[in-house]
């Protein structure tokens, strides 16, 4: 956040605006570092218990490693629940106030919109898009208007095209009629497109709130739009508590030791970090398989944490903590 704050200072009018921008971008990285943070927190807490001999006393009282790990697992699950139900909607709502091409699924790095109706077809190409209140602004836009026989009836070029609930409009646009005669004018057209339908169609899965994803997926399936990426995002958020439990279990596994003195925490910590990167690669690989349809999205999300929990459980049982 500090690095982003410094980078954004020149492009923002005030320091507060740069801080807000840095905070918004920080929230985008939460899904990336949250599992690592849970792992590191579990490992550090377990290390402190071992260093102070508290874990030895607890084990001598007859508690198994699984009973000792229960507070870590419950805490990790609660963190996952809060991140899914509160943090994700808050982040999406904050980021939706300023939509940029970084938040959109683009075609050839450009924005393409198309509408078909009984009157004909409208196709628009734009270099950039951003949100301003309840309207969308398209920069360097070209609009092609066709009849029902795909004949070109009008072409419009404008520096900025505005899309509101009332339709498309542009000030100082250059228009060409069916005969190719240009004209400079203020142009408007009623369309079925609205800012919300455009955002629904082009927003990336991580730009849609967890609470809105089920309805959005159902709506996109009804019109035949691919929703694999959105299904992966939904199952990822739904099973985020399970992922947090898996990382906490991994942290407990790496904290197990038979050494009472001279506990080489640095080596274990370094090995744990390397393992986290391997786990991150495994999760991303399964996500990619789920997004491409090689494996079902639900299996792609559930399989990695279950594998981690099973492997960590076997590792924990190999130690005698008493």
C-alpha atoms as a PDB file:
ATOM      1  CA  UNK A   1       0.000   0.000   0.000  1.00  0.00           C
ATOM      2  CA  UNK A   2       2.863   2.361   0.797  1.00  0.00           C
ATOM      3  CA  UNK A   3       4.503   1.714  -2.585  1.00  0.00           C
ATOM      4  CA  UNK A   4       1.220   2.214  -4.441  1.00  0.00           C
ATOM      5  CA  UNK A   5       0.540   5.395  -2.464  1.00  0.00           C
ATOM      6  CA  UNK A   6       3.871   6.899  -3.552  1.00  0.00           C
ATOM      7  CA  UNK A   7       3.331   5.800  -7.164  1.00  0.00           C
ATOM      8  CA  UNK A   8      -0.144   7.365  -7.283  1.00  0.00           C
ATOM      9  CA  UNK A   9       0.784  10.724  -5.789  1.00  0.00           C
ATOM     10  CA  UNK A  10       1.722  12.371  -9.126  1.00  0.00           C
ATOM     11  CA  UNK A  11      -1.502  11.228 -10.856  1.00  0.00           C
ATOM     12  CA  UNK A  12      -3.908  12.308  -8.085  1.00  0.00           C
ATOM     13  CA  UNK A  13      -4.869  15.880  -7.152  1.00  0.00           C
ATOM     14  CA  UNK A  14      -4.472  15.357  -3.383  1.00  0.00           C
ATOM     15  CA  UNK A  15      -2.680  13.003  -1.019  1.00  0.00           C
ATOM     16  CA  UNK A  16      -6.056  11.791   0.259  1.00  0.00           C
ATOM     17  CA  UNK A  17      -7.082  10.761  -3.264  1.00  0.00           C
ATOM     18  CA  UNK A  18      -3.792   8.893  -3.689  1.00  0.00           C
ATOM     19  CA  UNK A  19      -4.326   7.168  -0.344  1.00  0.00           C
ATOM     20  CA  UNK A  20      -7.856   6.144  -1.390  1.00  0.00           C
ATOM     21  CA  UNK A  21      -6.504   4.790  -4.667  1.00  0.00           C
ATOM     22  CA  UNK A  22      -3.818   2.828  -2.820  1.00  0.00           C
ATOM     23  CA  UNK A  23      -6.387   1.417  -0.390  1.00  0.00           C
ATOM     24  CA  UNK A  24      -8.641   0.359  -3.254  1.00  0.00           C
ATOM     25  CA  UNK A  25      -5.797  -1.425  -5.006  1.00  0.00           C
ATOM     26  CA  UNK A  26      -4.689  -3.054  -1.765  1.00  0.00           C
ATOM     27  CA  UNK A  27      -8.098  -4.713  -1.457  1.00  0.00           C
ATOM     28  CA  UNK A  28      -7.584  -6.271  -4.894  1.00  0.00           C
ATOM     29  CA  UNK A  29      -4.539  -8.128  -3.538  1.00  0.00           C
ATOM     30  CA  UNK A  30      -6.300  -9.513  -0.462  1.00  0.00           C
ATOM     31  CA  UNK A  31      -7.198 -12.857  -2.112  1.00  0.00           C
ATOM     32  CA  UNK A  32      -3.534 -13.221  -3.067  1.00  0.00           C
ATOM     33  CA  UNK A  33      -1.871 -12.680   0.307  1.00  0.00           C
ATOM     34  CA  UNK A  34      -4.640 -13.716   2.730  1.00  0.00           C
ATOM     35  CA  UNK A  35      -3.859 -17.483   2.600  1.00  0.00           C
ATOM     36  CA  UNK A  36      -0.163 -16.719   3.077  1.00  0.00           C
ATOM     37  CA  UNK A  37      -0.984 -14.431   6.002  1.00  0.00           C
ATOM     38  CA  UNK A  38      -3.069 -17.166   7.668  1.00  0.00           C
ATOM     39  CA  UNK A  39      -0.233 -19.655   7.217  1.00  0.00           C
ATOM     40  CA  UNK A  40       2.408 -17.284   8.605  1.00  0.00           C
ATOM     41  CA  UNK A  41       0.197 -16.278  11.532  1.00  0.00           C
ATOM     42  CA  UNK A  42      -0.459 -19.910  12.457  1.00  0.00           C
ATOM     43  CA  UNK A  43       3.224 -20.795  12.156  1.00  0.00           C
ATOM     44  CA  UNK A  44       4.346 -17.829  14.274  1.00  0.00           C
ATOM     45  CA  UNK A  45       1.735 -18.494  16.968  1.00  0.00           C
ATOM     46  CA  UNK A  46       2.695 -22.178  17.133  1.00  0.00           C
ATOM     47  CA  UNK A  47       6.366 -21.253  17.299  1.00  0.00           C
ATOM     48  CA  UNK A  48       5.739 -18.911  20.235  1.00  0.00           C
ATOM     49  CA  UNK A  49       3.845 -21.682  22.051  1.00  0.00           C
ATOM     50  CA  UNK A  50       6.732 -24.087  21.493  1.00  0.00           C
ATOM     51  CA  UNK A  51       9.349 -21.524  22.492  1.00  0.00           C
ATOM     52  CA  UNK A  52       7.581 -20.767  25.785  1.00  0.00           C
ATOM     53  CA  UNK A  53       6.972 -24.501  26.454  1.00  0.00           C
ATOM     54  CA  UNK A  54       3.212 -23.862  26.556  1.00  0.00           C
ATOM     55  CA  UNK A  55       2.612 -26.435  23.798  1.00  0.00           C
ATOM     56  CA  UNK A  56       4.464 -29.020  25.885  1.00  0.00           C
ATOM     57  CA  UNK A  57       2.245 -28.318  28.890  1.00  0.00           C
ATOM     58  CA  UNK A  58      -0.907 -28.497  26.764  1.00  0.00           C
ATOM     59  CA  UNK A  59       0.228 -31.775  25.183  1.00  0.00           C
ATOM     60  CA  UNK A  60       1.100 -33.205  28.607  1.00  0.00           C
ATOM     61  CA  UNK A  61      -2.468 -32.480  29.699  1.00  0.00           C
ATOM     62  CA  UNK A  62      -3.596 -35.048  27.142  1.00  0.00           C
ATOM     63  CA  UNK A  63      -4.678 -32.868  24.224  1.00  0.00           C
ATOM     64  CA  UNK A  64      -3.948 -34.254  20.766  1.00  0.00           C
ATOM     65  CA  UNK A  65      -2.371 -32.118  18.026  1.00  0.00           C
ATOM     66  CA  UNK A  66      -5.811 -31.858  16.422  1.00  0.00           C
ATOM     67  CA  UNK A  67      -7.363 -30.524  19.629  1.00  0.00           C
ATOM     68  CA  UNK A  68      -4.520 -28.051  20.000  1.00  0.00           C
ATOM     69  CA  UNK A  69      -5.032 -26.909  16.398  1.00  0.00           C
ATOM     70  CA  UNK A  70      -8.768 -26.341  16.800  1.00  0.00           C
ATOM     71  CA  UNK A  71      -8.485 -22.609  17.731  1.00  0.00           C
ATOM     72  CA  UNK A  72      -6.305 -22.012  14.664  1.00  0.00           C
ATOM     73  CA  UNK A  73      -8.788 -23.759  12.385  1.00  0.00           C
ATOM     74  CA  UNK A  74     -11.805 -21.935  13.803  1.00  0.00           C
ATOM     75  CA  UNK A  75     -10.015 -18.593  13.536  1.00  0.00           C
ATOM     76  CA  UNK A  76      -8.952 -19.308   9.941  1.00  0.00           C
ATOM     77  CA  UNK A  77     -12.514 -20.285   8.988  1.00  0.00           C
ATOM     78  CA  UNK A  78     -13.878 -17.059  10.492  1.00  0.00           C
ATOM     79  CA  UNK A  79     -11.328 -15.028   8.528  1.00  0.00           C
ATOM     80  CA  UNK A  80     -12.483 -16.766   5.344  1.00  0.00           C
ATOM     81  CA  UNK A  81     -16.153 -16.105   6.124  1.00  0.00           C
ATOM     82  CA  UNK A  82     -15.511 -12.396   6.778  1.00  0.00           C
ATOM     83  CA  UNK A  83     -13.408 -12.070   3.611  1.00  0.00           C
ATOM     84  CA  UNK A  84     -16.136 -13.666   1.479  1.00  0.00           C
ATOM     85  CA  UNK A  85     -19.262 -12.065   2.920  1.00  0.00           C
ATOM     86  CA  UNK A  86     -17.991  -8.611   3.902  1.00  0.00           C
ATOM     87  CA  UNK A  87     -14.578  -7.785   2.449  1.00  0.00           C
ATOM     88  CA  UNK A  88     -15.298  -8.962  -1.102  1.00  0.00           C
ATOM     89  CA  UNK A  89     -18.588  -7.004  -1.500  1.00  0.00           C
ATOM     90  CA  UNK A  90     -16.948  -3.925   0.027  1.00  0.00           C
ATOM     91  CA  UNK A  91     -13.968  -4.178  -2.324  1.00  0.00           C
ATOM     92  CA  UNK A  92     -16.159  -4.682  -5.388  1.00  0.00           C
ATOM     93  CA  UNK A  93     -18.405  -1.749  -4.433  1.00  0.00           C
ATOM     94  CA  UNK A  94     -15.367   0.476  -3.902  1.00  0.00           C
ATOM     95  CA  UNK A  95     -13.746  -0.507  -7.184  1.00  0.00           C
ATOM     96  CA  UNK A  96     -16.990  -0.185  -9.154  1.00  0.00           C
ATOM     97  CA  UNK A  97     -16.969   3.560  -8.492  1.00  0.00           C
ATOM     98  CA  UNK A  98     -14.130   3.904 -10.989  1.00  0.00           C
ATOM     99  CA  UNK A  99     -14.342   1.377 -13.818  1.00  0.00           C
ATOM    100  CA  UNK A 100     -11.302   1.240 -16.118  1.00  0.00           C
ATOM    101  CA  UNK A 101     -10.301  -1.150 -18.925  1.00  0.00           C
ATOM    102  CA  UNK A 102      -8.298  -3.096 -16.307  1.00  0.00           C
ATOM    103  CA  UNK A 103     -11.625  -4.286 -14.892  1.00  0.00           C
ATOM    104  CA  UNK A 104     -13.045  -5.444 -18.223  1.00  0.00           C
ATOM    105  CA  UNK A 105     -12.774  -8.500 -20.447  1.00  0.00           C
ATOM    106  CA  UNK A 106     -11.555  -6.915 -23.694  1.00  0.00           C
ATOM    107  CA  UNK A 107     -11.245  -8.178 -27.278  1.00  0.00           C
ATOM    108  CA  UNK A 108      -7.898  -7.318 -28.904  1.00  0.00           C
ATOM    109  CA  UNK A 109      -7.340  -4.766 -26.130  1.00  0.00           C
ATOM    110  CA  UNK A 110     -10.355  -2.773 -27.297  1.00  0.00           C
ATOM    111  CA  UNK A 111     -13.985  -2.459 -26.251  1.00  0.00           C
ATOM    112  CA  UNK A 112     -16.607  -3.865 -28.601  1.00  0.00           C
ATOM    113  CA  UNK A 113     -20.349  -3.567 -28.041  1.00  0.00           C
ATOM    114  CA  UNK A 114     -23.092  -4.949 -30.238  1.00  0.00           C
ATOM    115  CA  UNK A 115     -26.865  -4.688 -30.050  1.00  0.00           C
ATOM    116  CA  UNK A 116     -29.399  -6.412 -32.269  1.00  0.00           C
ATOM    117  CA  UNK A 117     -33.094  -5.491 -32.471  1.00  0.00           C
ATOM    118  CA  UNK A 118     -35.998  -5.620 -34.891  1.00  0.00           C
ATOM    119  CA  UNK A 119     -34.800  -2.327 -36.404  1.00  0.00           C
ATOM    120  CA  UNK A 120     -31.248  -3.478 -37.141  1.00  0.00           C
ATOM    121  CA  UNK A 121     -27.840  -3.629 -35.527  1.00  0.00           C
ATOM    122  CA  UNK A 122     -25.540  -1.248 -33.674  1.00  0.00           C
ATOM    123  CA  UNK A 123     -21.820  -1.994 -33.276  1.00  0.00           C
ATOM    124  CA  UNK A 124     -19.470   0.241 -31.305  1.00  0.00           C
ATOM    125  CA  UNK A 125     -15.704   0.107 -30.973  1.00  0.00           C
ATOM    126  CA  UNK A 126     -13.864   2.212 -28.383  1.00  0.00           C
ATOM    127  CA  UNK A 127     -10.292   2.517 -27.126  1.00  0.00           C
ATOM    128  CA  UNK A 128     -11.168   3.229 -23.510  1.00  0.00           C
ATOM    129  CA  UNK A 129     -14.105   3.267 -21.121  1.00  0.00           C
ATOM    130  CA  UNK A 130     -14.652   4.741 -17.682  1.00  0.00           C
ATOM    131  CA  UNK A 131     -17.578   5.288 -15.378  1.00  0.00           C
ATOM    132  CA  UNK A 132     -18.881   8.655 -14.205  1.00  0.00           C
ATOM    133  CA  UNK A 133     -21.793   8.399 -11.835  1.00  0.00           C
ATOM    134  CA  UNK A 134     -24.554   6.431 -13.555  1.00  0.00           C
ATOM    135  CA  UNK A 135     -23.211   6.821 -17.090  1.00  0.00           C
ATOM    136  CA  UNK A 136     -20.403   5.249 -19.116  1.00  0.00           C
ATOM    137  CA  UNK A 137     -17.993   7.307 -21.214  1.00  0.00           C
ATOM    138  CA  UNK A 138     -16.274   5.764 -24.251  1.00  0.00           C
ATOM    139  CA  UNK A 139     -13.165   7.415 -25.667  1.00  0.00           C
ATOM    140  CA  UNK A 140     -12.205   7.438 -29.373  1.00  0.00           C
ATOM    141  CA  UNK A 141     -15.399   5.606 -30.300  1.00  0.00           C
ATOM    142  CA  UNK A 142     -16.707   4.528 -33.690  1.00  0.00           C
ATOM    143  CA  UNK A 143     -20.336   3.445 -34.096  1.00  0.00           C
ATOM    144  CA  UNK A 144     -21.752   1.504 -37.051  1.00  0.00           C
ATOM    145  CA  UNK A 145     -25.533   1.472 -37.573  1.00  0.00           C
ATOM    146  CA  UNK A 146     -26.909  -1.269 -39.859  1.00  0.00           C
ATOM    147  CA  UNK A 147     -30.378  -2.214 -41.039  1.00  0.00           C
ATOM    148  CA  UNK A 148     -31.897  -5.677 -40.693  1.00  0.00           C
ATOM    149  CA  UNK A 149     -30.176  -6.690 -43.958  1.00  0.00           C
ATOM    150  CA  UNK A 150     -26.763  -5.693 -42.513  1.00  0.00           C
ATOM    151  CA  UNK A 151     -26.562  -2.684 -44.804  1.00  0.00           C
ATOM    152  CA  UNK A 152     -24.594   0.207 -43.312  1.00  0.00           C
ATOM    153  CA  UNK A 153     -26.919   3.182 -42.807  1.00  0.00           C
ATOM    154  CA  UNK A 154     -24.756   5.429 -40.616  1.00  0.00           C
ATOM    155  CA  UNK A 155     -21.249   5.666 -39.221  1.00  0.00           C
ATOM    156  CA  UNK A 156     -20.412   7.884 -36.249  1.00  0.00           C
ATOM    157  CA  UNK A 157     -17.005   8.914 -34.908  1.00  0.00           C
ATOM    158  CA  UNK A 158     -16.590  10.929 -31.724  1.00  0.00           C
ATOM    159  CA  UNK A 159     -13.923  11.735 -29.211  1.00  0.00           C
ATOM    160  CA  UNK A 160     -16.325  10.805 -26.399  1.00  0.00           C
ATOM    161  CA  UNK A 161     -19.566   8.833 -26.565  1.00  0.00           C
ATOM    162  CA  UNK A 162     -21.874   8.759 -23.545  1.00  0.00           C
ATOM    163  CA  UNK A 163     -24.089   5.795 -22.697  1.00  0.00           C
ATOM    164  CA  UNK A 164     -26.933   6.402 -20.260  1.00  0.00           C
ATOM    165  CA  UNK A 165     -30.291   4.768 -19.615  1.00  0.00           C
ATOM    166  CA  UNK A 166     -31.679   7.000 -22.377  1.00  0.00           C
ATOM    167  CA  UNK A 167     -29.245   5.668 -25.009  1.00  0.00           C
ATOM    168  CA  UNK A 168     -26.098   6.803 -26.811  1.00  0.00           C
ATOM    169  CA  UNK A 169     -25.111  10.421 -27.375  1.00  0.00           C
ATOM    170  CA  UNK A 170     -22.077  12.390 -28.522  1.00  0.00           C
ATOM    171  CA  UNK A 171     -21.231  16.080 -28.777  1.00  0.00           C
ATOM    172  CA  UNK A 172     -19.424  17.326 -31.873  1.00  0.00           C
ATOM    173  CA  UNK A 173     -19.501  13.939 -33.578  1.00  0.00           C
ATOM    174  CA  UNK A 174     -18.744  13.306 -37.241  1.00  0.00           C
ATOM    175  CA  UNK A 175     -21.451  11.234 -38.950  1.00  0.00           C
ATOM    176  CA  UNK A 176     -21.597   9.638 -42.405  1.00  0.00           C
ATOM    177  CA  UNK A 177     -24.916   8.663 -43.950  1.00  0.00           C
ATOM    178  CA  UNK A 178     -25.543   5.735 -46.305  1.00  0.00           C
ATOM    179  CA  UNK A 179     -24.175   7.788 -49.215  1.00  0.00           C
ATOM    180  CA  UNK A 180     -20.928   8.566 -47.392  1.00  0.00           C
ATOM    181  CA  UNK A 181     -21.665  12.274 -46.864  1.00  0.00           C
ATOM    182  CA  UNK A 182     -19.979  13.539 -43.655  1.00  0.00           C
ATOM    183  CA  UNK A 183     -21.603  15.947 -41.241  1.00  0.00           C
ATOM    184  CA  UNK A 184     -20.524  17.515 -37.945  1.00  0.00           C
ATOM    185  CA  UNK A 185     -23.360  17.405 -35.410  1.00  0.00           C
ATOM    186  CA  UNK A 186     -24.530  16.464 -31.928  1.00  0.00           C
ATOM    187  CA  UNK A 187     -25.658  12.856 -32.265  1.00  0.00           C
ATOM    188  CA  UNK A 188     -28.105  10.808 -30.178  1.00  0.00           C
ATOM    189  CA  UNK A 189     -29.712   7.384 -30.547  1.00  0.00           C
ATOM    190  CA  UNK A 190     -32.060   5.345 -28.404  1.00  0.00           C
ATOM    191  CA  UNK A 191     -30.717   1.848 -27.694  1.00  0.00           C
ATOM    192  CA  UNK A 192     -31.510  -1.163 -25.594  1.00  0.00           C
ATOM    193  CA  UNK A 193     -28.020  -0.957 -24.102  1.00  0.00           C
ATOM    194  CA  UNK A 194     -27.702   0.516 -20.620  1.00  0.00           C
ATOM    195  CA  UNK A 195     -24.644   1.099 -18.439  1.00  0.00           C
ATOM    196  CA  UNK A 196     -25.637  -1.807 -16.204  1.00  0.00           C
ATOM    197  CA  UNK A 197     -26.058  -4.303 -19.057  1.00  0.00           C
ATOM    198  CA  UNK A 198     -22.674  -3.305 -20.466  1.00  0.00           C
ATOM    199  CA  UNK A 199     -20.968  -3.744 -17.102  1.00  0.00           C
ATOM    200  CA  UNK A 200     -22.707  -7.072 -16.551  1.00  0.00           C
ATOM    201  CA  UNK A 201     -21.449  -8.325 -19.882  1.00  0.00           C
ATOM    202  CA  UNK A 202     -17.877  -7.087 -19.754  1.00  0.00           C
ATOM    203  CA  UNK A 203     -16.884  -7.004 -16.092  1.00  0.00           C
ATOM    204  CA  UNK A 204     -14.335  -9.602 -15.030  1.00  0.00           C
ATOM    205  CA  UNK A 205     -15.510 -12.208 -12.489  1.00  0.00           C
ATOM    206  CA  UNK A 206     -13.565 -10.606  -9.625  1.00  0.00           C
ATOM    207  CA  UNK A 207     -15.411  -7.321 -10.232  1.00  0.00           C
ATOM    208  CA  UNK A 208     -18.774  -8.841  -9.236  1.00  0.00           C
ATOM    209  CA  UNK A 209     -19.835  -9.164  -5.605  1.00  0.00           C
ATOM    210  CA  UNK A 210     -20.155 -12.610  -4.032  1.00  0.00           C
ATOM    211  CA  UNK A 211     -23.821 -11.916  -3.281  1.00  0.00           C
ATOM    212  CA  UNK A 212     -24.525 -10.908  -6.902  1.00  0.00           C
ATOM    213  CA  UNK A 213     -22.668 -13.780  -8.585  1.00  0.00           C
ATOM    214  CA  UNK A 214     -25.445 -16.466  -8.387  1.00  0.00           C
ATOM    215  CA  UNK A 215     -28.050 -14.249 -10.050  1.00  0.00           C
ATOM    216  CA  UNK A 216     -25.512 -12.945 -12.555  1.00  0.00           C
ATOM    217  CA  UNK A 217     -24.424 -16.477 -13.518  1.00  0.00           C
ATOM    218  CA  UNK A 218     -28.042 -17.561 -13.988  1.00  0.00           C
ATOM    219  CA  UNK A 219     -28.765 -14.542 -16.180  1.00  0.00           C
ATOM    220  CA  UNK A 220     -25.666 -15.077 -18.326  1.00  0.00           C
ATOM    221  CA  UNK A 221     -26.482 -18.766 -18.778  1.00  0.00           C
ATOM    222  CA  UNK A 222     -29.956 -17.864 -20.031  1.00  0.00           C
ATOM    223  CA  UNK A 223     -28.506 -15.770 -22.847  1.00  0.00           C
ATOM    224  CA  UNK A 224     -25.772 -18.282 -23.679  1.00  0.00           C
ATOM    225  CA  UNK A 225     -22.728 -16.380 -22.394  1.00  0.00           C
ATOM    226  CA  UNK A 226     -19.811 -18.551 -21.106  1.00  0.00           C
ATOM    227  CA  UNK A 227     -19.668 -18.383 -17.307  1.00  0.00           C
ATOM    228  CA  UNK A 228     -16.830 -20.762 -16.403  1.00  0.00           C
ATOM    229  CA  UNK A 229     -14.714 -17.933 -15.027  1.00  0.00           C
ATOM    230  CA  UNK A 230     -17.618 -16.647 -12.962  1.00  0.00           C
ATOM    231  CA  UNK A 231     -18.338 -20.143 -11.625  1.00  0.00           C
ATOM    232  CA  UNK A 232     -14.693 -20.501 -10.593  1.00  0.00           C
ATOM    233  CA  UNK A 233     -14.857 -17.121  -8.842  1.00  0.00           C
ATOM    234  CA  UNK A 234     -18.089 -18.050  -7.056  1.00  0.00           C
ATOM    235  CA  UNK A 235     -16.807 -21.416  -5.827  1.00  0.00           C
ATOM    236  CA  UNK A 236     -13.490 -19.809  -4.833  1.00  0.00           C
ATOM    237  CA  UNK A 237     -15.270 -17.305  -2.604  1.00  0.00           C
ATOM    238  CA  UNK A 238     -17.741 -19.869  -1.265  1.00  0.00           C
ATOM    239  CA  UNK A 239     -14.979 -22.279  -0.239  1.00  0.00           C
ATOM    240  CA  UNK A 240     -12.530 -19.597   0.907  1.00  0.00           C
ATOM    241  CA  UNK A 241     -13.068 -20.653   4.570  1.00  0.00           C
ATOM    242  CA  UNK A 242     -12.003 -24.188   3.580  1.00  0.00           C
ATOM    243  CA  UNK A 243      -8.891 -22.770   1.904  1.00  0.00           C
ATOM    244  CA  UNK A 244      -8.073 -20.796   5.058  1.00  0.00           C
ATOM    245  CA  UNK A 245      -8.496 -23.969   7.144  1.00  0.00           C
ATOM    246  CA  UNK A 246      -6.122 -25.777   4.786  1.00  0.00           C
ATOM    247  CA  UNK A 247      -3.458 -23.067   5.190  1.00  0.00           C
ATOM    248  CA  UNK A 248      -3.867 -23.081   8.982  1.00  0.00           C
ATOM    249  CA  UNK A 249      -3.487 -26.882   8.968  1.00  0.00           C
ATOM    250  CA  UNK A 250      -0.326 -26.479   6.896  1.00  0.00           C
ATOM    251  CA  UNK A 251       1.011 -23.967   9.414  1.00  0.00           C
ATOM    252  CA  UNK A 252       0.323 -26.378  12.305  1.00  0.00           C
ATOM    253  CA  UNK A 253       2.087 -29.155  10.382  1.00  0.00           C
ATOM    254  CA  UNK A 254       5.230 -27.077   9.895  1.00  0.00           C
ATOM    255  CA  UNK A 255       5.234 -26.059  13.564  1.00  0.00           C
ATOM    256  CA  UNK A 256       5.464 -29.680  14.771  1.00  0.00           C
ATOM    257  CA  UNK A 257       8.881 -30.530  16.215  1.00  0.00           C
ATOM    258  CA  UNK A 258      10.519 -32.914  18.649  1.00  0.00           C
ATOM    259  CA  UNK A 259      13.074 -30.290  19.630  1.00  0.00           C
ATOM    260  CA  UNK A 260      12.534 -28.554  22.959  1.00  0.00           C
ATOM    261  CA  UNK A 261      15.634 -26.364  22.700  1.00  0.00           C
ATOM    262  CA  UNK A 262      17.517 -24.762  19.849  1.00  0.00           C
ATOM    263  CA  UNK A 263      14.383 -24.883  17.747  1.00  0.00           C
ATOM    264  CA  UNK A 264      15.525 -23.914  14.218  1.00  0.00           C
ATOM    265  CA  UNK A 265      12.527 -21.789  13.400  1.00  0.00           C
ATOM    266  CA  UNK A 266      14.225 -19.961  10.534  1.00  0.00           C
ATOM    267  CA  UNK A 267      14.675 -23.144   8.497  1.00  0.00           C
ATOM    268  CA  UNK A 268      11.097 -24.243   9.104  1.00  0.00           C
ATOM    269  CA  UNK A 269       9.795 -20.794   8.266  1.00  0.00           C
ATOM    270  CA  UNK A 270      11.760 -20.695   5.017  1.00  0.00           C
ATOM    271  CA  UNK A 271      10.564 -24.168   4.053  1.00  0.00           C
ATOM    272  CA  UNK A 272       7.016 -23.125   4.844  1.00  0.00           C
ATOM    273  CA  UNK A 273       7.228 -20.070   2.584  1.00  0.00           C
ATOM    274  CA  UNK A 274       8.560 -22.196  -0.274  1.00  0.00           C
ATOM    275  CA  UNK A 275       5.752 -24.670   0.317  1.00  0.00           C
ATOM    276  CA  UNK A 276       3.228 -21.807   0.211  1.00  0.00           C
ATOM    277  CA  UNK A 277       4.482 -20.800  -3.223  1.00  0.00           C
ATOM    278  CA  UNK A 278       4.155 -24.417  -4.357  1.00  0.00           C
ATOM    279  CA  UNK A 279       0.613 -24.494  -2.968  1.00  0.00           C
ATOM    280  CA  UNK A 280      -0.161 -21.203  -4.716  1.00  0.00           C
ATOM    281  CA  UNK A 281       1.036 -22.707  -7.999  1.00  0.00           C
ATOM    282  CA  UNK A 282      -1.139 -25.792  -7.375  1.00  0.00           C
ATOM    283  CA  UNK A 283      -4.225 -23.671  -6.687  1.00  0.00           C
ATOM    284  CA  UNK A 284      -3.652 -21.525  -9.794  1.00  0.00           C
ATOM    285  CA  UNK A 285      -3.178 -24.635 -11.918  1.00  0.00           C
ATOM    286  CA  UNK A 286      -6.499 -26.076 -10.730  1.00  0.00           C
ATOM    287  CA  UNK A 287      -8.192 -22.683 -11.271  1.00  0.00           C
ATOM    288  CA  UNK A 288      -6.896 -22.608 -14.836  1.00  0.00           C
ATOM    289  CA  UNK A 289      -8.170 -26.138 -15.430  1.00  0.00           C
ATOM    290  CA  UNK A 290     -11.564 -25.139 -14.062  1.00  0.00           C
ATOM    291  CA  UNK A 291     -11.736 -21.940 -16.151  1.00  0.00           C
ATOM    292  CA  UNK A 292     -10.897 -23.800 -19.370  1.00  0.00           C
ATOM    293  CA  UNK A 293     -13.410 -26.570 -18.691  1.00  0.00           C
ATOM    294  CA  UNK A 294     -10.852 -29.385 -18.359  1.00  0.00           C
ATOM    295  CA  UNK A 295     -12.223 -30.200 -14.905  1.00  0.00           C
ATOM    296  CA  UNK A 296     -15.521 -29.092 -13.319  1.00  0.00           C
ATOM    297  CA  UNK A 297     -15.178 -25.684 -11.593  1.00  0.00           C
ATOM    298  CA  UNK A 298     -16.369 -27.075  -8.252  1.00  0.00           C
ATOM    299  CA  UNK A 299     -13.747 -29.849  -8.307  1.00  0.00           C
ATOM    300  CA  UNK A 300     -11.038 -27.383  -9.342  1.00  0.00           C
ATOM    301  CA  UNK A 301     -11.706 -25.261  -6.257  1.00  0.00           C
ATOM    302  CA  UNK A 302     -12.340 -27.993  -3.654  1.00  0.00           C
ATOM    303  CA  UNK A 303      -9.527 -30.367  -4.622  1.00  0.00           C
ATOM    304  CA  UNK A 304      -6.454 -28.236  -3.625  1.00  0.00           C
ATOM    305  CA  UNK A 305      -7.507 -27.477  -0.004  1.00  0.00           C
ATOM    306  CA  UNK A 306      -8.584 -31.095   0.534  1.00  0.00           C
ATOM    307  CA  UNK A 307      -5.203 -32.286  -0.732  1.00  0.00           C
ATOM    308  CA  UNK A 308      -3.423 -29.825   1.573  1.00  0.00           C
ATOM    309  CA  UNK A 309      -5.499 -30.845   4.598  1.00  0.00           C
ATOM    310  CA  UNK A 310      -4.920 -34.556   3.944  1.00  0.00           C
ATOM    311  CA  UNK A 311      -1.162 -34.140   3.464  1.00  0.00           C
ATOM    312  CA  UNK A 312      -0.835 -31.887   6.529  1.00  0.00           C
ATOM    313  CA  UNK A 313      -2.892 -34.299   8.647  1.00  0.00           C
ATOM    314  CA  UNK A 314      -0.593 -37.182   7.746  1.00  0.00           C
ATOM    315  CA  UNK A 315       2.433 -35.005   8.563  1.00  0.00           C
ATOM    316  CA  UNK A 316       1.015 -33.999  11.960  1.00  0.00           C
ATOM    317  CA  UNK A 317       0.318 -37.590  13.014  1.00  0.00           C
ATOM    318  CA  UNK A 318       3.970 -38.509  12.425  1.00  0.00           C
ATOM    319  CA  UNK A 319       5.019 -36.493  15.499  1.00  0.00           C
ATOM    320  CA  UNK A 320       4.718 -37.404  19.156  1.00  0.00           C
ATOM    321  CA  UNK A 321       4.176 -34.123  20.960  1.00  0.00           C
ATOM    322  CA  UNK A 322       4.239 -35.555  24.512  1.00  0.00           C
END
